[in-house]
Amino acid sequence: MTMAKVTKRTWTTGAGEARTAWRLSYYDRDGQRHMKQFARKADAEAERVLVEGQLATGLHVPDKASITVLDAAKAFLADFADLVQSGKRERSSLEAYRRQVKWHLEPYAVAALKLSRLTGPDCVTYGRALEASVSDAMATRVFAMFRLILKHAQGAGWIASNPGTAVSIRTSGEREDEGVEIPPKAALKALWEAAAKFDSTGRATAMVALLMFGGLRASELRGLPRRDLLLSESKVRVSQRADNWQKIGTVKSKKSRRSVTLPPAAVVALKRWVLAVPKNELGLIFPTGAGTVESYANIYHRTWVPLMVAAGLADVEKREGEDDYHRPHFALHALRHVAVSLWIEQGASPKQVSTWAGHASIQFTMDRYGHLWDDPVGAQAIARGAERSIIG
């Protein structure tokens, strides 16, 4: 292997001044010669060591052949778009990445850096800038995307290693007020009773039943097919969802594929609604009247808000010259939290809850809902038992 070499260069300027510099020269894996000049020998030697290490592993990318971080981000987006086209990734994820690149990467100095010059400290500087300008959650998401961009660039041979791997976003940590808010049971009972009177077909009750007792996400509810209602077994299976563009696809992950046991009242409500479901080629349980995929906006404005108003669970905001604006006391997604809280209340284990909710991991379940397992009385009993076992 041809090694990089540092040589001393001296010359005299037109004004008669003597000058000295240090030149690094080497051949890349394609046999092309490259030269870089440095004012200090130490800098030239440091670059030589870096280049030789990269040449030895076959991962060296010359500066003049290197692309910028922003170029790498655009290539990552193009590759992700191909995955969306083939059905392997979600369109919503692509749109989120595009927004993050536009608003939270392109305006920063790191975007203009060449990948061959990108270092760990550059990634740290970018991470700290994100911490100072956006929320913890957004900074974490954006930097995770940044790592994916560099990983893609590494796979394409544009960068020798991923300097962002060892860098993380520093968040403010867990706070006691970050736990999910569960609506009171009196409000939930009022919602259930209002749903029973809301329409003559039982559609509203069927929706509330699946959300409140089955823990379905709104996208899973909108994409639920008749074949996944296993009513003879008192179960609902979750295997597909509808995205923001009303396109049916598989659920978010393997862990999201699940079966959930439903209580008798939910089964009765679903059996009633099944008889009135509009005919549709997609076989959906909650299609539009025309048999297409129902949008979240339609469900929210035409069912959820009027239902919450009927249940007395919405505030009215008067607007001059406009219709009254109704603000529900809690969002439709809150019923998913209700389902989890009811499972925990009835003694379900973290493993069971994680499985039924379709969470990515038990750790996520505990981080989000761990406080609902708190049992002060049981903890005192354990403490007393421990005391008795030693001192009587």
Protein backbone atom coordinates (compact mmCIF):
# COMPACT_ATOMS: atom_id res chain seq x y z
CA MET A 1 0.00 0.00 0.00
CA THR A 2 1.32 3.46 -0.91
CA MET A 3 1.62 5.52 2.25
CA ALA A 4 0.97 9.23 2.58
CA LYS A 5 4.08 11.38 2.69
CA VAL A 6 4.88 14.77 4.21
CA THR A 7 7.60 16.86 2.57
CA LYS A 8 8.98 20.27 3.26
CA ARG A 9 8.50 22.92 0.60
CA THR A 10 10.44 26.20 0.42
CA TRP A 11 10.18 29.04 -2.05
CA THR A 12 10.80 32.73 -2.46
CA THR A 13 8.01 35.17 -3.19
CA GLY A 14 8.17 37.83 -5.87
CA ALA A 15 9.02 40.30 -3.11
CA GLY A 16 12.06 38.22 -2.18
CA GLU A 17 10.61 36.76 1.01
CA ALA A 18 11.52 33.17 1.92
CA ARG A 19 8.50 30.96 2.66
CA THR A 20 8.17 27.45 4.05
CA ALA A 21 5.21 25.02 4.04
CA TRP A 22 4.55 21.31 4.52
CA ARG A 23 2.93 19.30 1.77
CA LEU A 24 1.01 16.06 2.27
CA SER A 25 0.81 13.87 -0.82
CA TYR A 26 -0.80 10.47 -1.32
CA TYR A 27 -2.62 8.27 -3.84
CA ASP A 28 -6.21 7.20 -3.23
CA ARG A 29 -7.60 3.72 -3.90
CA ASP A 30 -8.29 4.68 -7.52
CA GLY A 31 -4.66 5.64 -8.07
CA GLN A 32 -5.29 9.38 -8.19
CA ARG A 33 -2.75 11.64 -6.52
CA HIS A 34 -3.83 14.21 -3.94
CA MET A 35 -1.85 17.01 -2.33
CA LYS A 36 -2.64 19.31 0.59
CA GLN A 37 -0.48 22.07 2.00
CA PHE A 38 -0.12 23.10 5.65
CA ALA A 39 1.66 25.96 7.39
CA ARG A 40 2.74 23.72 10.29
CA LYS A 41 4.41 20.33 10.11
CA ALA A 42 2.35 19.10 13.07
CA ASP A 43 -0.88 19.75 11.17
CA ALA A 44 0.44 17.95 8.09
CA GLU A 45 1.51 14.93 10.15
CA ALA A 46 -1.86 14.76 11.91
CA GLU A 47 -3.62 14.75 8.54
CA ARG A 48 -1.19 12.09 7.29
CA VAL A 49 -2.09 9.76 10.16
CA LEU A 50 -5.81 10.30 9.51
CA VAL A 51 -5.50 9.69 5.76
CA GLU A 52 -3.35 6.58 6.18
CA GLY A 53 -5.85 5.09 8.61
CA GLN A 54 -8.71 5.72 6.18
CA LEU A 55 -6.72 4.36 3.24
CA ALA A 56 -5.92 1.21 5.20
CA THR A 57 -9.64 0.52 5.75
CA GLY A 58 -10.64 1.59 2.24
CA LEU A 59 -12.87 4.34 3.61
CA HIS A 60 -10.99 7.47 2.59
CA VAL A 61 -12.93 10.16 0.72
CA PRO A 62 -10.80 13.03 -0.66
CA ASP A 63 -12.05 16.51 0.21
CA LYS A 64 -12.58 17.49 -3.42
CA ALA A 65 -14.76 14.40 -3.95
CA SER A 66 -16.71 14.87 -0.74
CA ILE A 67 -20.30 16.12 -0.56
CA THR A 68 -21.77 18.36 2.13
CA VAL A 69 -23.95 17.27 5.03
CA LEU A 70 -26.95 18.90 3.32
CA ASP A 71 -26.21 16.96 0.11
CA ALA A 72 -26.12 13.78 2.18
CA ALA A 73 -29.47 14.74 3.77
CA LYS A 74 -31.05 15.19 0.33
CA ALA A 75 -29.70 11.80 -0.78
CA PHE A 76 -31.11 10.23 2.40
CA LEU A 77 -34.52 11.74 1.68
CA ALA A 78 -34.45 10.50 -1.90
CA ASP A 79 -33.61 6.99 -0.73
CA PHE A 80 -36.37 7.13 1.91
CA ALA A 81 -38.83 8.30 -0.75
CA ASP A 82 -38.02 5.16 -2.76
CA LEU A 83 -38.77 3.05 0.32
CA VAL A 84 -42.11 4.84 0.73
CA GLN A 85 -42.91 4.20 -2.92
CA SER A 86 -42.26 0.48 -2.43
CA GLY A 87 -44.42 0.39 0.72
CA LYS A 88 -41.54 -0.27 3.11
CA ARG A 89 -41.75 3.06 4.96
CA GLU A 90 -44.52 5.48 5.92
CA ARG A 91 -45.22 8.62 3.92
CA SER A 92 -45.83 10.51 7.17
CA SER A 93 -42.26 9.69 8.27
CA LEU A 94 -40.89 11.05 4.99
CA GLU A 95 -42.84 14.29 5.37
CA ALA A 96 -41.57 14.65 8.95
CA TYR A 97 -37.96 14.13 7.81
CA ARG A 98 -38.38 16.69 5.04
CA ARG A 99 -39.63 19.29 7.53
CA GLN A 100 -36.81 18.52 9.93
CA VAL A 101 -34.16 18.90 7.23
CA LYS A 102 -35.69 22.18 6.03
CA TRP A 103 -36.22 23.82 9.42
CA HIS A 104 -33.73 22.16 11.76
CA LEU A 105 -30.71 21.16 9.63
CA GLU A 106 -30.38 23.38 6.57
CA PRO A 107 -30.18 26.69 8.57
CA TYR A 108 -27.32 25.39 10.76
CA ALA A 109 -23.60 25.67 9.98
CA VAL A 110 -23.14 21.90 10.01
CA ALA A 111 -25.20 21.61 6.82
CA ALA A 112 -22.48 23.31 4.75
CA LEU A 113 -19.63 21.17 6.08
CA LYS A 114 -18.09 18.56 3.82
CA LEU A 115 -18.55 15.02 5.13
CA SER A 116 -14.80 14.39 4.83
CA ARG A 117 -14.22 17.23 7.33
CA LEU A 118 -17.08 16.41 9.71
CA THR A 119 -15.87 15.57 13.22
CA GLY A 120 -17.32 14.57 16.56
CA PRO A 121 -16.96 18.13 17.91
CA ASP A 122 -18.93 19.43 14.89
CA CYS A 123 -21.75 17.04 15.80
CA VAL A 124 -21.60 18.14 19.43
CA THR A 125 -21.85 21.79 18.38
CA TYR A 126 -24.89 21.00 16.24
CA GLY A 127 -26.51 19.03 19.04
CA ARG A 128 -26.00 21.85 21.54
CA ALA A 129 -27.45 24.35 19.04
CA LEU A 130 -30.58 22.18 18.74
CA GLU A 131 -30.86 21.98 22.53
CA ALA A 132 -30.85 25.77 22.70
CA SER A 133 -33.36 26.41 19.93
CA VAL A 134 -36.06 23.70 20.02
CA SER A 135 -37.84 21.52 22.56
CA ASP A 136 -36.19 18.44 24.06
CA ALA A 137 -38.52 16.17 22.10
CA MET A 138 -37.85 17.90 18.78
CA ALA A 139 -34.09 18.07 19.37
CA THR A 140 -34.03 14.35 20.11
CA ARG A 141 -36.01 13.52 16.95
CA VAL A 142 -33.92 15.77 14.71
CA PHE A 143 -30.59 14.47 15.98
CA ALA A 144 -31.80 10.88 15.58
CA MET A 145 -32.53 11.74 11.93
CA PHE A 146 -29.07 13.35 11.65
CA ARG A 147 -27.48 10.07 12.75
CA LEU A 148 -29.53 8.20 10.13
CA ILE A 149 -28.31 10.61 7.46
CA LEU A 150 -24.69 9.96 8.45
CA LYS A 151 -25.33 6.22 8.59
CA HIS A 152 -26.72 6.34 5.05
CA ALA A 153 -23.70 8.38 3.94
CA GLN A 154 -21.35 5.85 5.52
CA GLY A 155 -23.07 3.02 3.67
CA ALA A 156 -22.71 4.96 0.43
CA GLY A 157 -18.97 5.38 1.04
CA TRP A 158 -19.15 9.17 1.42
CA ILE A 159 -17.82 9.21 4.97
CA ALA A 160 -15.34 6.94 6.75
CA SER A 161 -17.27 6.68 10.03
CA ASN A 162 -20.31 8.14 11.75
CA PRO A 163 -19.08 10.87 14.13
CA GLY A 164 -22.59 11.45 15.45
CA THR A 165 -22.92 8.00 17.00
CA ALA A 166 -21.38 8.94 20.35
CA VAL A 167 -23.24 12.26 20.63
CA SER A 168 -26.59 12.56 22.36
CA ILE A 169 -29.10 15.28 23.12
CA ARG A 170 -29.15 16.37 26.74
CA THR A 171 -32.75 16.63 27.90
CA SER A 172 -34.15 18.09 31.08
CA GLY A 173 -34.92 14.58 32.31
CA GLU A 174 -38.13 13.12 33.62
CA ARG A 175 -40.54 15.39 35.43
CA GLU A 176 -43.40 14.42 37.68
CA ASP A 177 -45.87 16.34 35.49
CA GLU A 178 -44.98 14.36 32.37
CA GLY A 179 -47.32 11.46 33.17
CA VAL A 180 -50.34 11.00 30.93
CA GLU A 181 -53.59 12.55 32.08
CA ILE A 182 -56.47 10.11 32.48
CA PRO A 183 -60.00 11.55 32.23
CA PRO A 184 -62.14 10.98 35.35
CA LYS A 185 -64.44 7.97 35.32
CA ALA A 186 -67.54 10.15 35.70
CA ALA A 187 -66.63 11.84 32.41
CA LEU A 188 -66.02 8.50 30.72
CA LYS A 189 -69.38 7.18 31.89
CA ALA A 190 -71.06 10.33 30.52
CA LEU A 191 -69.28 9.78 27.20
CA TRP A 192 -70.42 6.15 27.01
CA GLU A 193 -74.03 7.10 27.76
CA ALA A 194 -73.94 9.92 25.21
CA ALA A 195 -72.57 7.57 22.55
CA ALA A 196 -75.51 5.19 23.09
CA LYS A 197 -77.93 8.02 22.18
CA PHE A 198 -75.78 9.65 19.51
CA ASP A 199 -77.00 7.72 16.47
CA SER A 200 -79.44 4.97 15.61
CA THR A 201 -76.86 2.63 14.10
CA GLY A 202 -74.53 2.26 17.09
CA ARG A 203 -71.51 3.65 15.19
CA ALA A 204 -70.46 6.07 17.94
CA THR A 205 -70.70 3.40 20.65
CA ALA A 206 -68.69 0.97 18.56
CA MET A 207 -65.96 3.59 18.08
CA VAL A 208 -65.80 4.50 21.75
CA ALA A 209 -65.76 0.83 22.72
CA LEU A 210 -62.71 0.05 20.56
CA LEU A 211 -60.85 3.16 21.71
CA MET A 212 -61.68 2.95 25.42
CA PHE A 213 -61.58 -0.82 25.94
CA GLY A 214 -59.40 -1.95 23.03
CA GLY A 215 -56.80 0.81 23.19
CA LEU A 216 -56.69 1.29 19.41
CA ARG A 217 -54.94 4.26 17.89
CA ALA A 218 -57.11 6.48 15.68
CA SER A 219 -55.19 5.34 12.58
CA GLU A 220 -55.83 1.70 13.54
CA LEU A 221 -59.52 2.40 14.07
CA ARG A 222 -59.80 4.06 10.64
CA GLY A 223 -58.03 1.15 8.95
CA LEU A 224 -59.75 -1.67 10.86
CA PRO A 225 -61.11 -4.38 8.49
CA ARG A 226 -64.10 -6.63 9.25
CA ARG A 227 -61.89 -9.72 9.19
CA ASP A 228 -60.04 -8.42 12.27
CA LEU A 229 -63.18 -8.35 14.41
CA LEU A 230 -63.09 -11.78 16.08
CA LEU A 231 -66.33 -11.27 17.94
CA SER A 232 -66.97 -14.98 18.57
CA GLU A 233 -63.75 -14.89 20.60
CA SER A 234 -64.48 -11.44 22.08
CA LYS A 235 -61.31 -10.09 20.45
CA VAL A 236 -60.14 -7.45 18.02
CA ARG A 237 -57.02 -8.03 15.97
CA VAL A 238 -54.86 -5.08 14.90
CA SER A 239 -52.98 -5.63 11.65
CA GLN A 240 -53.38 -2.52 9.50
CA ARG A 241 -53.88 1.23 9.71
CA ALA A 242 -54.85 4.23 7.61
CA ASP A 243 -52.26 7.00 7.25
CA ASN A 244 -52.81 10.76 7.02
CA TRP A 245 -53.46 10.45 3.30
CA GLN A 246 -56.18 7.79 3.72
CA LYS A 247 -53.91 5.05 2.45
CA ILE A 248 -54.23 1.60 4.02
CA GLY A 249 -51.01 -0.07 5.10
CA THR A 250 -49.55 -2.34 7.74
CA VAL A 251 -49.29 -1.15 11.34
CA LYS A 252 -46.28 0.83 12.56
CA SER A 253 -44.18 -2.15 13.70
CA LYS A 254 -44.27 -5.88 14.46
CA LYS A 255 -45.07 -5.06 18.08
CA SER A 256 -48.13 -3.12 16.89
CA ARG A 257 -49.63 -6.33 15.47
CA ARG A 258 -51.70 -7.70 18.33
CA SER A 259 -54.99 -9.12 19.57
CA VAL A 260 -56.94 -7.52 22.41
CA THR A 261 -59.74 -9.13 24.41
CA LEU A 262 -62.88 -6.98 24.58
CA PRO A 263 -65.50 -6.81 27.36
CA PRO A 264 -69.10 -7.98 26.69
CA ALA A 265 -70.50 -4.45 26.26
CA ALA A 266 -67.96 -3.71 23.54
CA VAL A 267 -68.78 -6.96 21.73
CA VAL A 268 -72.50 -6.18 21.84
CA ALA A 269 -71.88 -2.67 20.48
CA LEU A 270 -69.73 -3.98 17.62
CA LYS A 271 -72.23 -6.72 16.69
CA ARG A 272 -74.90 -4.06 16.41
CA TRP A 273 -72.76 -1.73 14.28
CA VAL A 274 -71.54 -4.51 11.95
CA LEU A 275 -75.11 -4.88 10.69
CA ALA A 276 -75.18 -1.21 9.62
CA VAL A 277 -71.65 -0.77 8.20
CA PRO A 278 -71.80 0.79 4.71
CA LYS A 279 -70.75 -1.64 2.00
CA ASN A 280 -67.19 -1.01 0.84
CA GLU A 281 -64.62 -2.87 -1.24
CA LEU A 282 -61.94 -2.34 1.42
CA GLY A 283 -63.96 -4.26 4.00
CA LEU A 284 -63.53 -1.49 6.57
CA ILE A 285 -65.56 -1.25 9.76
CA PHE A 286 -65.62 2.55 9.77
CA PRO A 287 -65.63 3.72 6.11
CA THR A 288 -67.15 6.90 4.77
CA GLY A 289 -70.70 6.78 3.42
CA ALA A 290 -69.14 6.39 -0.05
CA GLY A 291 -67.12 3.36 1.10
CA THR A 292 -63.70 5.06 1.18
CA VAL A 293 -61.22 5.51 4.02
CA GLU A 294 -62.46 7.93 6.66
CA SER A 295 -60.11 10.82 7.48
CA TYR A 296 -59.15 11.70 11.04
CA ALA A 297 -60.51 15.23 10.49
CA ASN A 298 -63.94 13.88 9.63
CA ILE A 299 -64.05 11.62 12.66
CA TYR A 300 -62.89 14.45 14.90
CA HIS A 301 -65.23 17.18 13.64
CA ARG A 302 -68.28 15.09 12.74
CA THR A 303 -68.25 12.52 15.50
CA TRP A 304 -65.84 13.30 18.34
CA VAL A 305 -66.61 16.98 18.94
CA PRO A 306 -70.43 16.61 18.65
CA LEU A 307 -70.26 13.54 20.90
CA MET A 308 -68.27 15.39 23.56
CA VAL A 309 -70.73 18.27 23.36
CA ALA A 310 -73.63 15.85 23.83
CA ALA A 311 -71.87 14.38 26.86
CA GLY A 312 -71.37 17.83 28.39
CA LEU A 313 -67.61 17.45 28.04
CA ALA A 314 -66.78 20.47 25.89
CA ASP A 315 -66.36 24.18 26.53
CA VAL A 316 -68.04 26.67 24.22
CA GLU A 317 -66.09 29.63 22.88
CA LYS A 318 -68.23 32.44 21.45
CA ARG A 319 -66.83 34.03 18.28
CA GLU A 320 -68.40 37.17 16.89
CA GLY A 321 -69.84 36.63 13.43
CA GLU A 322 -68.92 32.93 13.46
CA ASP A 323 -70.34 29.67 14.73
CA ASP A 324 -69.56 28.75 18.32
CA TYR A 325 -66.26 26.89 18.76
CA HIS A 326 -66.42 23.77 20.95
CA ARG A 327 -63.28 22.66 22.76
CA PRO A 328 -63.48 19.04 24.08
CA HIS A 329 -62.17 18.50 27.62
CA PHE A 330 -59.86 15.76 26.32
CA ALA A 331 -58.69 14.44 22.96
CA LEU A 332 -59.80 11.27 21.22
CA HIS A 333 -56.34 9.76 21.86
CA ALA A 334 -56.97 10.06 25.60
CA LEU A 335 -59.21 6.98 25.33
CA ARG A 336 -56.11 4.93 24.51
CA HIS A 337 -54.62 6.08 27.82
CA VAL A 338 -57.91 5.14 29.46
CA ALA A 339 -57.67 1.60 28.09
CA VAL A 340 -54.16 1.20 29.48
CA SER A 341 -55.16 2.61 32.88
CA LEU A 342 -58.14 0.22 33.08
CA TRP A 343 -55.94 -2.78 32.29
CA ILE A 344 -53.49 -1.75 35.00
CA GLU A 345 -56.31 -1.13 37.46
CA GLN A 346 -57.54 -4.69 36.90
CA GLY A 347 -54.14 -6.19 37.65
CA ALA A 348 -52.52 -6.55 34.21
CA SER A 349 -48.74 -6.93 34.24
CA PRO A 350 -46.38 -4.56 32.38
CA LYS A 351 -45.78 -7.31 29.81
CA GLN A 352 -49.51 -7.75 29.17
CA VAL A 353 -50.12 -4.00 28.88
CA SER A 354 -47.17 -3.56 26.53
CA THR A 355 -48.47 -6.37 24.30
CA TRP A 356 -52.11 -5.23 24.25
CA ALA A 357 -51.18 -1.59 23.61
CA GLY A 358 -48.72 -2.52 20.86
CA HIS A 359 -45.85 -0.65 22.48
CA ALA A 360 -42.32 -0.98 21.11
CA SER A 361 -41.00 -2.21 24.46
CA ILE A 362 -41.91 -2.78 28.09
CA GLN A 363 -39.50 0.05 28.92
CA PHE A 364 -41.69 2.45 26.95
CA THR A 365 -44.76 1.19 28.81
CA MET A 366 -43.09 1.74 32.17
CA ASP A 367 -41.74 5.17 31.21
CA ARG A 368 -45.19 6.29 30.13
CA TYR A 369 -47.48 4.52 32.57
CA GLY A 370 -45.25 3.24 35.37
CA HIS A 371 -46.77 5.67 37.87
CA LEU A 372 -50.14 3.92 37.47
CA TRP A 373 -48.70 0.81 39.11
CA ASP A 374 -47.91 2.72 42.31
CA ASP A 375 -49.47 0.94 45.28
CA PRO A 376 -48.68 2.66 48.61
CA VAL A 377 -50.75 0.19 50.63
CA GLY A 378 -49.09 -2.81 49.02
CA ALA A 379 -45.67 -1.20 49.46
CA GLN A 380 -46.30 -0.77 53.19
CA ALA A 381 -47.34 -4.44 53.48
CA ILE A 382 -44.11 -5.52 51.78
CA ALA A 383 -42.08 -3.29 54.10
CA ARG A 384 -43.76 -4.75 57.19
CA GLY A 385 -43.23 -8.28 55.90
CA ALA A 386 -39.54 -7.60 55.37
CA GLU A 387 -39.29 -6.28 58.92
CA ARG A 388 -41.04 -9.34 60.39
CA SER A 389 -38.74 -11.73 58.56
CA ILE A 390 -35.72 -10.31 60.40
CA ILE A 391 -36.77 -8.87 63.74
CA GLY A 392 -40.15 -10.51 64.26
